[in-house]
C-alpha atoms as a PDB file:
ATOM      1  CA  MET A   1      74.603  50.089 -36.722  1.00  0.00           C
ATOM      2  CA  ASP A   2      75.602  46.782 -38.109  1.00  0.00           C
ATOM      3  CA  TRP A   3      77.453  44.030 -36.307  1.00  0.00           C
ATOM      4  CA  PHE A   4      80.829  44.810 -37.863  1.00  0.00           C
ATOM      5  CA  GLN A   5      80.725  48.394 -36.655  1.00  0.00           C
ATOM      6  CA  ILE A   6      79.722  47.340 -33.133  1.00  0.00           C
ATOM      7  CA  ILE A   7      82.515  44.755 -33.005  1.00  0.00           C
ATOM      8  CA  SER A   8      85.097  47.190 -34.333  1.00  0.00           C
ATOM      9  CA  THR A   9      83.993  49.858 -31.833  1.00  0.00           C
ATOM     10  CA  LEU A  10      83.697  47.744 -28.683  1.00  0.00           C
ATOM     11  CA  GLY A  11      85.916  44.820 -29.551  1.00  0.00           C
ATOM     12  CA  PHE A  12      85.097  41.174 -30.037  1.00  0.00           C
ATOM     13  CA  PRO A  13      85.500  40.046 -26.385  1.00  0.00           C
ATOM     14  CA  VAL A  14      83.032  42.669 -25.123  1.00  0.00           C
ATOM     15  CA  CYS A  15      80.469  41.813 -27.810  1.00  0.00           C
ATOM     16  CA  ALA A  16      80.910  38.090 -27.113  1.00  0.00           C
ATOM     17  CA  CYS A  17      80.373  38.643 -23.368  1.00  0.00           C
ATOM     18  CA  VAL A  18      77.219  40.672 -23.975  1.00  0.00           C
ATOM     19  CA  GLY A  19      75.893  38.026 -26.378  1.00  0.00           C
ATOM     20  CA  LEU A  20      76.634  35.238 -23.910  1.00  0.00           C
ATOM     21  CA  ALA A  21      74.977  37.195 -21.108  1.00  0.00           C
ATOM     22  CA  PHE A  22      71.758  37.408 -23.125  1.00  0.00           C
ATOM     23  CA  TYR A  23      72.000  33.692 -23.931  1.00  0.00           C
ATOM     24  CA  VAL A  24      72.500  32.739 -20.278  1.00  0.00           C
ATOM     25  CA  LYS A  25      69.556  34.911 -19.230  1.00  0.00           C
ATOM     26  CA  TYR A  26      67.361  33.214 -21.846  1.00  0.00           C
ATOM     27  CA  ILE A  27      68.399  29.739 -20.677  1.00  0.00           C
ATOM     28  CA  VAL A  28      67.892  30.597 -16.988  1.00  0.00           C
ATOM     29  CA  ASP A  29      64.419  32.021 -17.666  1.00  0.00           C
ATOM     30  CA  ALA A  30      63.449  28.913 -19.639  1.00  0.00           C
ATOM     31  CA  TYR A  31      64.757  26.668 -16.832  1.00  0.00           C
ATOM     32  CA  ARG A  32      62.810  28.589 -14.196  1.00  0.00           C
ATOM     33  CA  GLY A  33      59.632  28.176 -16.228  1.00  0.00           C
ATOM     34  CA  GLU A  34      60.162  24.427 -16.447  1.00  0.00           C
ATOM     35  CA  VAL A  35      60.866  24.162 -12.714  1.00  0.00           C
ATOM     36  CA  LYS A  36      57.716  26.151 -11.945  1.00  0.00           C
ATOM     37  CA  ASP A  37      55.644  23.753 -14.046  1.00  0.00           C
ATOM     38  CA  LEU A  38      57.247  20.723 -12.401  1.00  0.00           C
ATOM     39  CA  ARG A  39      56.593  22.127  -8.931  1.00  0.00           C
ATOM     40  CA  GLN A  40      52.919  22.609  -9.759  1.00  0.00           C
ATOM     41  CA  GLU A  41      52.636  19.044 -11.086  1.00  0.00           C
ATOM     42  CA  HIS A  42      54.396  17.714  -7.978  1.00  0.00           C
ATOM     43  CA  LYS A  43      52.072  19.696  -5.724  1.00  0.00           C
ATOM     44  CA  GLU A  44      49.046  18.154  -7.458  1.00  0.00           C
ATOM     45  CA  GLU A  45      50.513  14.648  -7.206  1.00  0.00           C
ATOM     46  CA  ILE A  46      51.245  15.049  -3.486  1.00  0.00           C
ATOM     47  CA  SER A  47      47.708  16.316  -2.941  1.00  0.00           C
ATOM     48  CA  LYS A  48      46.294  13.184  -4.616  1.00  0.00           C
ATOM     49  CA  ILE A  49      48.591  10.927  -2.568  1.00  0.00           C
ATOM     50  CA  THR A  50      47.518  12.685   0.635  1.00  0.00           C
ATOM     51  CA  ASP A  51      43.846  12.183  -0.224  1.00  0.00           C
ATOM     52  CA  ALA A  52      44.444   8.489  -0.966  1.00  0.00           C
ATOM     53  CA  LEU A  53      46.341   8.055   2.307  1.00  0.00           C
ATOM     54  CA  ASN A  54      43.561   9.721   4.273  1.00  0.00           C
ATOM     55  CA  ASN A  55      40.951   7.524   2.561  1.00  0.00           C
ATOM     56  CA  ASN A  56      42.976   4.387   3.344  1.00  0.00           C
ATOM     57  CA  THR A  57      43.370   5.456   6.966  1.00  0.00           C
ATOM     58  CA  THR A  58      39.614   5.945   7.253  1.00  0.00           C
ATOM     59  CA  ALA A  59      38.925   2.538   5.692  1.00  0.00           C
ATOM     60  CA  ILE A  60      41.388   0.761   8.000  1.00  0.00           C
ATOM     61  CA  THR A  61      39.908   2.515  11.021  1.00  0.00           C
ATOM     62  CA  LYS A  62      36.393   1.401  10.050  1.00  0.00           C
ATOM     63  CA  LEU A  63      37.541  -2.174   9.460  1.00  0.00           C
ATOM     64  CA  THR A  64      39.347  -2.256  12.801  1.00  0.00           C
ATOM     65  CA  MET A  65      36.273  -0.943  14.613  1.00  0.00           C
ATOM     66  CA  LYS A  66      34.051  -3.512  12.914  1.00  0.00           C
ATOM     67  CA  LEU A  67      36.400  -6.366  13.695  1.00  0.00           C
ATOM     68  CA  ASP A  68      36.714  -5.178  17.284  1.00  0.00           C
ATOM     69  CA  LYS A  69      32.925  -4.957  17.572  1.00  0.00           C
ATOM     70  CA  GLU A  70      32.576  -8.577  16.370  1.00  0.00           C
ATOM     71  CA  GLY A  71      35.127  -9.729  18.939  1.00  0.00           C
ATOM     72  CA  TYR A  72      37.757 -10.782  16.444  1.00  0.00           C
ATOM     73  CA  PHE A  73      40.607  -9.426  18.531  1.00  0.00           C
ATOM     74  CA  GLU A  74      39.357 -11.103  21.707  1.00  0.00           C
ATOM     75  CA  LYS A  75      39.422 -14.576  20.111  1.00  0.00           C
ATOM     76  CA  GLY A  76      43.047 -14.191  19.122  1.00  0.00           C
ATOM     77  CA  GLU A  77      42.476 -15.194  15.523  1.00  0.00           C
END
């Protein structure tokens, strides 16, 4: 079957709706793929930020303990 026979049998509006439905499905699938990739990248970024935050918390805790041990907080400096 060629396009002219399909259009003459079903009518132009029906063929246009079917064509647009396939186009919309293609666009939605492409968009979902992009969103999936972005979510994975975001998950990796958040993981790195969490690790950095935990490392900074550990460093600040160690510095606070050392300063407390040396009596820095008792002197009021």
